Amino acid sequence: MFHISRLQLPRSYGILSNMNVSGIRMRTSAVGSERRRGQTMVEYLIVAGVLLGVLVLLSFLLVALKLNGNRVLDLVASEYP
C-alpha cells in the first residue's frame, strides 16, 4: 500500500515555500512485499510483451524492405530498352 504524506519546502525557496508537495512512501509489511513481487513480475511480463511486439514489427519491416529491394533488382535487371 502507498501512504501519501505532505512535504513542506523550506523558507529559503521563497515563493515555492507556500506550495505543498505530495510524496509517496511505501509501507513495509509481509503482505506488501508479496504484492510488490507480483507487481514486479507483471512489469517484467509487460516489458517482455513490448519487446516481443517491437521484434515482430521490425521483422515485418525487414520483410517489406527485402521485397522492395527485390523489386528494384528485377527492374534494374530487366532487358527493356
N, C-alpha and C. Protein backbone atom coordinates (compact mmCIF):
# COMPACT_ATOMS: atom_id res chain seq x y z
N MET A 1 0.83 -1.18 0.00
CA MET A 1 0.00 0.00 0.00
C MET A 1 0.87 1.24 0.00
N PHE A 2 0.33 2.28 -0.53
CA PHE A 2 1.02 3.55 -0.55
C PHE A 2 0.44 4.46 0.51
N HIS A 3 1.30 5.25 1.11
CA HIS A 3 0.86 6.24 2.08
C HIS A 3 1.31 7.60 1.57
N ILE A 4 0.36 8.50 1.37
CA ILE A 4 0.69 9.82 0.84
C ILE A 4 0.87 10.79 2.00
N SER A 5 1.99 11.48 2.00
CA SER A 5 2.27 12.45 3.06
C SER A 5 2.56 13.81 2.44
N ARG A 6 2.34 14.85 3.20
CA ARG A 6 2.59 16.22 2.75
C ARG A 6 4.02 16.60 3.09
N LEU A 7 4.65 17.35 2.20
CA LEU A 7 6.02 17.75 2.39
C LEU A 7 6.10 19.26 2.22
N GLN A 8 6.59 19.96 3.23
CA GLN A 8 6.72 21.42 3.19
C GLN A 8 8.13 21.77 2.73
N LEU A 9 8.24 22.70 1.79
CA LEU A 9 9.54 23.17 1.35
C LEU A 9 10.07 24.20 2.34
N PRO A 10 11.38 24.32 2.51
CA PRO A 10 11.94 25.31 3.44
C PRO A 10 11.66 26.74 3.00
N ARG A 11 11.80 27.67 3.93
CA ARG A 11 11.54 29.09 3.67
C ARG A 11 12.50 29.66 2.64
N SER A 12 13.66 29.08 2.49
CA SER A 12 14.68 29.65 1.61
C SER A 12 14.27 29.59 0.14
N TYR A 13 13.22 28.83 -0.19
CA TYR A 13 12.79 28.74 -1.57
C TYR A 13 11.84 29.87 -1.97
N GLY A 14 11.55 30.78 -1.10
CA GLY A 14 10.74 31.94 -1.43
C GLY A 14 9.31 31.59 -1.77
N ILE A 15 8.89 31.89 -3.00
CA ILE A 15 7.51 31.69 -3.41
C ILE A 15 7.13 30.21 -3.43
N LEU A 16 8.12 29.34 -3.64
CA LEU A 16 7.83 27.91 -3.65
C LEU A 16 7.55 27.36 -2.26
N SER A 17 7.88 28.10 -1.21
CA SER A 17 7.68 27.58 0.14
C SER A 17 6.21 27.48 0.51
N ASN A 18 5.32 28.16 -0.21
CA ASN A 18 3.90 28.09 0.07
C ASN A 18 3.24 26.88 -0.59
N MET A 19 3.94 26.20 -1.49
CA MET A 19 3.38 25.05 -2.18
C MET A 19 3.53 23.79 -1.34
N ASN A 20 2.52 22.94 -1.38
CA ASN A 20 2.60 21.63 -0.72
C ASN A 20 2.92 20.59 -1.79
N VAL A 21 3.95 19.80 -1.55
CA VAL A 21 4.34 18.76 -2.49
C VAL A 21 3.97 17.42 -1.87
N SER A 22 3.25 16.61 -2.62
CA SER A 22 2.86 15.29 -2.12
C SER A 22 3.95 14.28 -2.43
N GLY A 23 4.34 13.52 -1.43
CA GLY A 23 5.34 12.46 -1.62
C GLY A 23 4.68 11.11 -1.39
N ILE A 24 5.23 10.08 -1.97
CA ILE A 24 4.69 8.73 -1.80
C ILE A 24 5.72 7.91 -1.05
N ARG A 25 5.28 7.28 0.01
CA ARG A 25 6.15 6.47 0.84
C ARG A 25 5.59 5.07 0.90
N MET A 26 6.44 4.07 0.74
CA MET A 26 6.00 2.68 0.76
C MET A 26 5.96 2.17 2.20
N ARG A 27 4.90 1.48 2.53
CA ARG A 27 4.85 0.78 3.81
C ARG A 27 5.48 -0.58 3.64
N THR A 28 6.17 -1.03 4.67
CA THR A 28 6.80 -2.35 4.58
C THR A 28 6.03 -3.33 5.46
N SER A 29 5.59 -4.40 4.83
CA SER A 29 4.93 -5.49 5.56
C SER A 29 5.08 -6.75 4.72
N ALA A 30 4.79 -7.89 5.32
CA ALA A 30 4.93 -9.15 4.60
C ALA A 30 3.97 -9.22 3.43
N VAL A 31 2.74 -8.74 3.64
CA VAL A 31 1.75 -8.77 2.57
C VAL A 31 2.16 -7.80 1.47
N GLY A 32 2.67 -6.64 1.84
CA GLY A 32 3.10 -5.65 0.86
C GLY A 32 4.24 -6.15 0.01
N SER A 33 5.17 -6.89 0.62
CA SER A 33 6.29 -7.40 -0.15
C SER A 33 5.83 -8.46 -1.15
N GLU A 34 4.83 -9.25 -0.77
CA GLU A 34 4.28 -10.24 -1.71
C GLU A 34 3.62 -9.54 -2.89
N ARG A 35 2.91 -8.47 -2.62
CA ARG A 35 2.27 -7.72 -3.70
C ARG A 35 3.31 -7.08 -4.60
N ARG A 36 4.41 -6.59 -4.00
CA ARG A 36 5.45 -5.97 -4.81
C ARG A 36 6.13 -7.00 -5.69
N ARG A 37 6.29 -8.23 -5.18
CA ARG A 37 6.88 -9.28 -6.01
C ARG A 37 5.98 -9.58 -7.19
N GLY A 38 4.69 -9.65 -6.96
CA GLY A 38 3.73 -9.87 -8.05
C GLY A 38 3.73 -8.70 -9.02
N GLN A 39 3.83 -7.49 -8.50
CA GLN A 39 3.85 -6.31 -9.36
C GLN A 39 5.11 -6.31 -10.22
N THR A 40 6.23 -6.70 -9.65
CA THR A 40 7.48 -6.77 -10.41
C THR A 40 7.36 -7.78 -11.53
N MET A 41 6.76 -8.92 -11.24
CA MET A 41 6.58 -9.95 -12.27
C MET A 41 5.68 -9.44 -13.39
N VAL A 42 4.62 -8.74 -13.04
CA VAL A 42 3.72 -8.18 -14.05
C VAL A 42 4.47 -7.16 -14.90
N GLU A 43 5.29 -6.34 -14.26
CA GLU A 43 6.06 -5.34 -15.01
C GLU A 43 7.04 -6.01 -15.97
N TYR A 44 7.70 -7.08 -15.53
CA TYR A 44 8.61 -7.81 -16.41
C TYR A 44 7.85 -8.43 -17.58
N LEU A 45 6.66 -8.95 -17.33
CA LEU A 45 5.86 -9.53 -18.40
C LEU A 45 5.43 -8.47 -19.41
N ILE A 46 5.08 -7.28 -18.91
CA ILE A 46 4.71 -6.19 -19.81
C ILE A 46 5.89 -5.79 -20.68
N VAL A 47 7.07 -5.66 -20.07
CA VAL A 47 8.26 -5.29 -20.84
C VAL A 47 8.59 -6.38 -21.86
N ALA A 48 8.48 -7.63 -21.48
CA ALA A 48 8.75 -8.73 -22.41
C ALA A 48 7.75 -8.69 -23.57
N GLY A 49 6.49 -8.41 -23.28
CA GLY A 49 5.48 -8.31 -24.34
C GLY A 49 5.76 -7.15 -25.29
N VAL A 50 6.18 -6.02 -24.74
CA VAL A 50 6.50 -4.87 -25.58
C VAL A 50 7.72 -5.19 -26.46
N LEU A 51 8.74 -5.81 -25.88
CA LEU A 51 9.91 -6.19 -26.67
C LEU A 51 9.55 -7.18 -27.77
N LEU A 52 8.70 -8.13 -27.47
CA LEU A 52 8.26 -9.09 -28.47
C LEU A 52 7.50 -8.38 -29.59
N GLY A 53 6.65 -7.42 -29.24
CA GLY A 53 5.93 -6.64 -30.24
C GLY A 53 6.86 -5.84 -31.13
N VAL A 54 7.89 -5.25 -30.53
CA VAL A 54 8.87 -4.49 -31.31
C VAL A 54 9.62 -5.41 -32.26
N LEU A 55 9.99 -6.61 -31.80
CA LEU A 55 10.68 -7.57 -32.67
C LEU A 55 9.79 -7.99 -33.84
N VAL A 56 8.52 -8.19 -33.60
CA VAL A 56 7.60 -8.56 -34.68
C VAL A 56 7.49 -7.43 -35.69
N LEU A 57 7.35 -6.19 -35.21
CA LEU A 57 7.26 -5.05 -36.12
C LEU A 57 8.55 -4.87 -36.93
N LEU A 58 9.69 -5.06 -36.29
CA LEU A 58 10.95 -4.94 -37.02
C LEU A 58 11.11 -6.06 -38.05
N SER A 59 10.62 -7.26 -37.75
CA SER A 59 10.69 -8.34 -38.74
C SER A 59 9.79 -8.04 -39.93
N PHE A 60 8.60 -7.46 -39.69
CA PHE A 60 7.74 -7.04 -40.81
C PHE A 60 8.42 -5.97 -41.65
N LEU A 61 9.10 -5.04 -41.01
CA LEU A 61 9.82 -4.01 -41.74
C LEU A 61 10.93 -4.62 -42.58
N LEU A 62 11.66 -5.58 -42.02
CA LEU A 62 12.73 -6.25 -42.76
C LEU A 62 12.19 -6.97 -43.99
N VAL A 63 11.08 -7.68 -43.83
CA VAL A 63 10.47 -8.39 -44.97
C VAL A 63 10.03 -7.40 -46.03
N ALA A 64 9.40 -6.30 -45.62
CA ALA A 64 8.94 -5.31 -46.59
C ALA A 64 10.11 -4.69 -47.34
N LEU A 65 11.20 -4.39 -46.65
CA LEU A 65 12.36 -3.81 -47.31
C LEU A 65 13.03 -4.80 -48.25
N LYS A 66 13.06 -6.08 -47.88
CA LYS A 66 13.64 -7.09 -48.77
C LYS A 66 12.81 -7.24 -50.03
N LEU A 67 11.48 -7.24 -49.88
CA LEU A 67 10.62 -7.35 -51.06
C LEU A 67 10.80 -6.14 -51.97
N ASN A 68 10.90 -4.96 -51.40
CA ASN A 68 11.11 -3.77 -52.21
C ASN A 68 12.47 -3.82 -52.89
N GLY A 69 13.48 -4.29 -52.20
CA GLY A 69 14.81 -4.44 -52.81
C GLY A 69 14.79 -5.42 -53.97
N ASN A 70 14.05 -6.52 -53.83
CA ASN A 70 13.95 -7.49 -54.92
C ASN A 70 13.24 -6.88 -56.12
N ARG A 71 12.23 -6.06 -55.88
CA ARG A 71 11.54 -5.38 -56.99
C ARG A 71 12.50 -4.46 -57.72
N VAL A 72 13.31 -3.72 -56.99
CA VAL A 72 14.27 -2.81 -57.61
C VAL A 72 15.29 -3.60 -58.42
N LEU A 73 15.79 -4.71 -57.89
CA LEU A 73 16.74 -5.54 -58.64
C LEU A 73 16.11 -6.11 -59.90
N ASP A 74 14.85 -6.51 -59.84
CA ASP A 74 14.16 -7.01 -61.03
C ASP A 74 14.03 -5.92 -62.08
N LEU A 75 13.73 -4.70 -61.66
CA LEU A 75 13.61 -3.61 -62.62
C LEU A 75 14.96 -3.27 -63.26
N VAL A 76 16.00 -3.29 -62.47
CA VAL A 76 17.33 -2.98 -63.00
C VAL A 76 17.80 -4.08 -63.95
N ALA A 77 17.47 -5.32 -63.64
CA ALA A 77 17.92 -6.45 -64.46
C ALA A 77 17.06 -6.67 -65.70
N SER A 78 15.97 -5.94 -65.82
CA SER A 78 15.10 -6.16 -66.98
C SER A 78 15.81 -5.74 -68.27
N GLU A 79 15.43 -6.37 -69.37
CA GLU A 79 16.08 -6.10 -70.65
C GLU A 79 15.24 -5.17 -71.51
N TYR A 80 14.39 -4.41 -70.88
CA TYR A 80 13.58 -3.45 -71.63
C TYR A 80 14.45 -2.31 -72.09
N PRO A 81 14.42 -1.95 -73.39
CA PRO A 81 15.34 -0.90 -73.89
C PRO A 81 15.02 0.47 -73.42
